[in-house]
Protein backbone atom coordinates (compact mmCIF):
# COMPACT_ATOMS: atom_id res chain seq x y z
CA MET A 1 -14.50 -22.12 -47.79
CA LEU A 2 -11.41 -20.28 -49.06
CA ASN A 3 -9.62 -21.18 -45.83
CA LYS A 4 -10.13 -24.87 -46.58
CA ILE A 5 -8.85 -24.50 -50.14
CA PHE A 6 -5.69 -22.68 -49.11
CA LYS A 7 -5.12 -24.48 -45.80
CA LYS A 8 -1.75 -26.20 -45.83
CA THR A 9 -1.67 -29.78 -44.63
CA LYS A 10 0.56 -29.84 -41.64
CA GLU A 11 2.07 -33.11 -40.52
CA GLU A 12 4.73 -34.44 -38.21
CA THR A 13 6.45 -37.79 -38.16
CA LEU A 14 7.24 -39.39 -34.83
CA HIS A 15 10.26 -41.67 -34.62
CA ALA A 16 11.13 -44.52 -32.30
CA HIS A 17 12.07 -43.33 -28.82
CA VAL A 18 14.25 -46.38 -28.07
CA ASP A 19 15.87 -49.31 -29.88
CA GLY A 20 13.66 -52.38 -29.67
CA GLN A 21 10.51 -54.08 -30.92
CA LEU A 22 7.43 -52.03 -31.78
CA ILE A 23 4.11 -53.21 -30.34
CA SER A 24 0.63 -51.74 -30.55
CA LEU A 25 -0.81 -49.94 -27.53
CA GLU A 26 -3.40 -52.72 -27.32
CA GLU A 27 -0.54 -55.13 -26.47
CA VAL A 28 0.69 -53.07 -23.48
CA PRO A 29 -0.17 -54.96 -20.26
CA ASP A 30 -1.77 -51.93 -18.59
CA PRO A 31 -5.37 -50.75 -19.17
CA VAL A 32 -4.44 -47.06 -18.95
CA PHE A 33 -2.39 -47.53 -22.14
CA ASN A 34 -4.08 -50.47 -23.90
CA GLN A 35 -7.49 -48.81 -23.64
CA LYS A 36 -5.92 -45.54 -24.87
CA MET A 37 -7.03 -43.59 -21.80
CA MET A 38 -3.82 -41.53 -22.06
CA GLY A 39 -4.09 -41.09 -25.83
CA GLU A 40 -3.23 -42.59 -29.18
CA GLY A 41 0.26 -43.97 -29.78
CA ILE A 42 2.59 -46.95 -29.85
CA ALA A 43 4.91 -48.81 -27.48
CA ILE A 44 8.34 -50.40 -27.74
CA LYS A 45 9.89 -53.33 -25.89
CA PRO A 46 13.36 -51.83 -25.35
CA GLU A 47 16.73 -53.41 -26.17
CA ASN A 48 18.60 -50.78 -24.14
CA GLY A 49 17.94 -47.86 -21.84
CA ILE A 50 18.75 -44.85 -24.03
CA ILE A 51 15.40 -43.08 -24.48
CA VAL A 52 15.47 -40.27 -27.05
CA ALA A 53 13.22 -37.49 -28.28
CA PRO A 54 10.85 -38.95 -30.91
CA THR A 55 10.69 -35.56 -32.68
CA ASP A 56 11.84 -31.96 -32.34
CA GLY A 57 10.05 -30.06 -29.59
CA LYS A 58 10.16 -28.59 -26.13
CA ILE A 59 10.30 -30.50 -22.85
CA ILE A 60 7.06 -29.59 -21.04
CA GLN A 61 7.08 -32.24 -18.33
CA LEU A 62 9.54 -34.36 -16.37
CA ALA A 63 8.09 -36.70 -13.78
CA GLU A 64 9.53 -36.11 -10.33
CA THR A 65 10.23 -39.85 -10.26
CA LYS A 66 12.11 -39.56 -13.60
CA HIS A 67 10.08 -42.36 -15.25
CA ALA A 68 8.27 -40.18 -17.80
CA PHE A 69 8.65 -37.02 -19.85
CA GLY A 70 6.52 -34.86 -22.09
CA ILE A 71 7.36 -33.00 -25.30
CA ARG A 72 5.25 -30.40 -27.13
CA THR A 73 5.83 -30.30 -30.88
CA ASP A 74 5.59 -27.29 -33.19
CA MET A 75 2.21 -28.59 -34.39
CA GLY A 76 0.95 -28.73 -30.80
CA GLN A 77 1.08 -32.46 -30.13
CA GLU A 78 1.76 -33.27 -26.49
CA ILE A 79 3.75 -36.47 -26.43
CA LEU A 80 4.23 -38.52 -23.27
CA VAL A 81 6.97 -41.15 -23.09
CA HIS A 82 6.44 -43.46 -20.11
CA ILE A 83 9.46 -45.64 -19.27
CA GLY A 84 8.29 -49.04 -18.06
CA LEU A 85 5.07 -49.88 -16.24
CA GLU A 86 4.52 -49.21 -12.53
CA THR A 87 7.92 -47.49 -12.49
CA VAL A 88 6.66 -44.50 -10.46
CA ALA A 89 7.18 -46.76 -7.41
CA LEU A 90 10.95 -46.82 -8.12
CA ASN A 91 11.13 -43.18 -6.92
CA GLY A 92 13.65 -42.23 -9.60
CA GLU A 93 16.04 -45.12 -8.94
CA GLY A 94 17.38 -46.51 -12.21
CA PHE A 95 16.80 -43.30 -14.19
CA ASN A 96 19.20 -40.52 -15.22
CA VAL A 97 17.46 -37.50 -16.78
CA LEU A 98 19.59 -35.55 -19.26
CA VAL A 99 17.33 -32.51 -19.87
CA GLU A 100 15.25 -29.95 -17.98
CA VAL A 101 11.71 -28.61 -18.42
CA GLY A 102 11.82 -25.83 -21.00
CA ASP A 103 14.70 -27.32 -23.00
CA LYS A 104 14.30 -27.46 -26.77
CA VAL A 105 15.23 -30.92 -28.02
CA LYS A 106 15.94 -32.47 -31.40
CA LYS A 107 14.74 -35.79 -32.78
CA GLY A 108 17.11 -38.53 -31.57
CA GLN A 109 18.55 -36.48 -28.70
CA PRO A 110 18.98 -38.64 -25.56
CA ILE A 111 16.48 -37.57 -22.86
CA VAL A 112 16.73 -40.31 -20.21
CA GLU A 113 19.15 -43.13 -19.50
CA ALA A 114 17.25 -45.97 -17.86
CA ASP A 115 18.66 -49.11 -16.23
CA ILE A 116 16.50 -51.66 -18.06
CA ASP A 117 17.83 -54.60 -15.99
CA PHE A 118 16.88 -52.79 -12.77
CA ILE A 119 13.44 -51.95 -14.16
CA GLN A 120 12.90 -55.55 -15.28
CA LYS A 121 13.66 -56.79 -11.74
CA ASN A 122 11.71 -54.12 -9.86
CA ALA A 123 8.73 -53.02 -11.98
CA ALA A 124 5.81 -54.64 -13.81
CA SER A 125 7.31 -54.30 -17.31
CA THR A 126 10.09 -52.61 -19.30
CA VAL A 127 7.75 -51.70 -22.19
CA ILE A 128 7.90 -47.98 -23.07
CA PRO A 129 4.64 -46.47 -24.37
CA MET A 130 4.64 -43.19 -26.31
CA VAL A 131 1.25 -41.48 -26.53
CA VAL A 132 -0.15 -38.22 -27.85
CA THR A 133 -1.97 -37.10 -24.71
CA ASN A 134 -4.03 -34.45 -26.50
CA SER A 135 -5.16 -36.84 -29.27
CA SER A 136 -8.69 -36.98 -27.81
CA GLU A 137 -9.20 -33.35 -28.88
CA GLY A 138 -9.80 -34.70 -32.40
CA LYS A 139 -7.35 -32.31 -34.09
CA TYR A 140 -5.13 -35.04 -35.54
CA ASP A 141 -5.26 -38.00 -37.89
CA PHE A 142 -2.73 -40.79 -37.25
CA ALA A 143 -1.04 -43.05 -39.80
CA PHE A 144 0.89 -45.90 -38.19
CA LYS A 145 3.98 -47.30 -39.92
CA GLU A 146 4.32 -51.05 -40.53
CA VAL A 147 7.55 -51.70 -38.65
CA THR A 148 8.75 -54.22 -36.09
CA ASP A 149 12.37 -53.46 -35.20
CA THR A 150 13.13 -49.89 -34.20
CA LYS A 151 16.21 -47.71 -33.97
CA ALA A 152 15.95 -44.74 -31.62
CA GLY A 153 15.51 -41.44 -33.46
CA LYS A 154 15.71 -43.14 -36.87
CA THR A 155 12.73 -45.48 -37.40
CA GLU A 156 9.50 -43.71 -38.36
CA VAL A 157 6.64 -45.10 -36.25
CA LEU A 158 3.70 -42.80 -37.02
CA THR A 159 2.74 -39.70 -38.93
CA THR A 160 0.29 -37.20 -37.50
CA THR A 161 -1.66 -34.85 -39.75
CA LEU A 162 -3.44 -31.76 -38.50
CA LYS A 163 -7.12 -31.97 -39.53
C-alpha cells in the first residue's frame, strides 16, 4: 500500500512524427493497424517526407527495407513508426535512413527522409502510423490529443501514463 501512495506518476508525451493531418488508427486502410494488432497509436497523412523522432529515446529497430523504425523510450514504450502501407515491397527505394540501431535520438530529430511522391505512386498509401507495440501489456494509459494539423516534433499527439 505504501508503494501506491508514494509511487510517482510517470508519463511521456509523444509528438507528431511528420508534418500533416492526424487521423485515428481506425481510419488507416490496413487491418493490421486499424484493428490495433500492432498496438495503440495514431497515424498521419504526410505533407512531406521528413520523418522525425516523436520523443527522446533509443533506436532499437530499423527495417532492412528502410520503411519502418522503432524507438524505446525511458519509460519503456516501444514505438514503431511505419512509413506508408505495403512499402516493404519497395525494398528500401525512396527511403534515406539518417540513424543507426543503438543511436540515442531527441524529439524532432530527423530519422528518415522518404520520397512521398515515389511512395504514392508505388505503394498502397502514404499514411504513416505510429504505434506503441508493447501497449497490449497493459502497463500504460493513453490520452489522445484533439488535433488535426501536425508539425513534426512540435505537435503533441498523445500522452502515455505508466499505470
